[in-house]
Protein backbone atom coordinates (compact mmCIF):
# COMPACT_ATOMS: atom_id res chain seq x y z
CA UNK A 1 0.00 0.00 0.00
CA UNK A 2 2.88 2.34 0.68
CA UNK A 3 4.15 2.11 -2.90
CA UNK A 4 0.59 2.62 -4.18
CA UNK A 5 0.21 5.93 -2.34
CA UNK A 6 3.75 7.09 -3.09
CA UNK A 7 3.17 6.52 -6.79
CA UNK A 8 -0.13 8.45 -6.67
CA UNK A 9 1.58 11.41 -5.00
CA UNK A 10 4.68 11.42 -7.22
CA UNK A 11 2.70 11.07 -10.43
CA UNK A 12 0.29 13.87 -9.55
CA UNK A 13 -2.75 11.61 -9.89
CA UNK A 14 -6.09 13.19 -9.06
CA UNK A 15 -7.73 12.07 -5.83
CA UNK A 16 -11.42 11.50 -6.61
CA UNK A 17 -12.40 12.40 -3.05
CA UNK A 18 -10.81 15.85 -3.12
CA UNK A 19 -10.68 16.66 -6.81
CA UNK A 20 -7.03 17.69 -6.41
CA UNK A 21 -3.70 15.95 -6.73
CA UNK A 22 -2.87 13.37 -4.09
CA UNK A 23 -0.94 14.72 -1.08
CA UNK A 24 0.36 12.98 2.04
CA UNK A 25 -2.60 14.30 4.06
CA UNK A 26 -4.96 12.30 1.81
CA UNK A 27 -3.31 9.01 2.80
CA UNK A 28 -5.08 7.05 5.57
CA UNK A 29 -3.44 7.54 8.99
CA UNK A 30 -2.41 3.88 9.08
CA UNK A 31 -0.03 4.42 6.15
CA UNK A 32 0.72 8.15 6.33
CA UNK A 33 3.97 8.10 8.35
CA UNK A 34 5.50 5.35 6.20
CA UNK A 35 4.45 7.11 2.99
CA UNK A 36 5.92 10.38 4.26
CA UNK A 37 9.19 8.63 5.11
CA UNK A 38 9.34 7.03 1.65
CA UNK A 39 8.72 10.39 -0.03
CA UNK A 40 11.53 11.99 1.96
CA UNK A 41 14.03 9.18 1.33
C-alpha atoms as a PDB file:
ATOM      1  CA  UNK A   1       0.000   0.000   0.000  1.00  0.00           C
ATOM      2  CA  UNK A   2       2.881   2.344   0.677  1.00  0.00           C
ATOM      3  CA  UNK A   3       4.145   2.114  -2.899  1.00  0.00           C
ATOM      4  CA  UNK A   4       0.594   2.623  -4.181  1.00  0.00           C
ATOM      5  CA  UNK A   5       0.207   5.934  -2.339  1.00  0.00           C
ATOM      6  CA  UNK A   6       3.752   7.094  -3.087  1.00  0.00           C
ATOM      7  CA  UNK A   7       3.167   6.517  -6.795  1.00  0.00           C
ATOM      8  CA  UNK A   8      -0.130   8.450  -6.670  1.00  0.00           C
ATOM      9  CA  UNK A   9       1.580  11.405  -4.997  1.00  0.00           C
ATOM     10  CA  UNK A  10       4.677  11.424  -7.216  1.00  0.00           C
ATOM     11  CA  UNK A  11       2.701  11.073 -10.433  1.00  0.00           C
ATOM     12  CA  UNK A  12       0.291  13.875  -9.545  1.00  0.00           C
ATOM     13  CA  UNK A  13      -2.750  11.613  -9.895  1.00  0.00           C
ATOM     14  CA  UNK A  14      -6.087  13.185  -9.059  1.00  0.00           C
ATOM     15  CA  UNK A  15      -7.731  12.073  -5.826  1.00  0.00           C
ATOM     16  CA  UNK A  16     -11.424  11.496  -6.615  1.00  0.00           C
ATOM     17  CA  UNK A  17     -12.401  12.395  -3.046  1.00  0.00           C
ATOM     18  CA  UNK A  18     -10.811  15.847  -3.118  1.00  0.00           C
ATOM     19  CA  UNK A  19     -10.678  16.657  -6.815  1.00  0.00           C
ATOM     20  CA  UNK A  20      -7.032  17.688  -6.413  1.00  0.00           C
ATOM     21  CA  UNK A  21      -3.704  15.950  -6.735  1.00  0.00           C
ATOM     22  CA  UNK A  22      -2.871  13.366  -4.093  1.00  0.00           C
ATOM     23  CA  UNK A  23      -0.938  14.721  -1.084  1.00  0.00           C
ATOM     24  CA  UNK A  24       0.358  12.981   2.044  1.00  0.00           C
ATOM     25  CA  UNK A  25      -2.600  14.303   4.059  1.00  0.00           C
ATOM     26  CA  UNK A  26      -4.956  12.301   1.809  1.00  0.00           C
ATOM     27  CA  UNK A  27      -3.308   9.014   2.797  1.00  0.00           C
ATOM     28  CA  UNK A  28      -5.081   7.055   5.570  1.00  0.00           C
ATOM     29  CA  UNK A  29      -3.439   7.539   8.987  1.00  0.00           C
ATOM     30  CA  UNK A  30      -2.407   3.885   9.082  1.00  0.00           C
ATOM     31  CA  UNK A  31      -0.025   4.423   6.149  1.00  0.00           C
ATOM     32  CA  UNK A  32       0.718   8.152   6.326  1.00  0.00           C
ATOM     33  CA  UNK A  33       3.968   8.099   8.353  1.00  0.00           C
ATOM     34  CA  UNK A  34       5.503   5.355   6.204  1.00  0.00           C
ATOM     35  CA  UNK A  35       4.450   7.106   2.986  1.00  0.00           C
ATOM     36  CA  UNK A  36       5.919  10.375   4.257  1.00  0.00           C
ATOM     37  CA  UNK A  37       9.192   8.629   5.106  1.00  0.00           C
ATOM     38  CA  UNK A  38       9.337   7.026   1.651  1.00  0.00           C
ATOM     39  CA  UNK A  39       8.716  10.393  -0.031  1.00  0.00           C
ATOM     40  CA  UNK A  40      11.532  11.986   1.956  1.00  0.00           C
ATOM     41  CA  UNK A  41      14.026   9.181   1.335  1.00  0.00           C
END
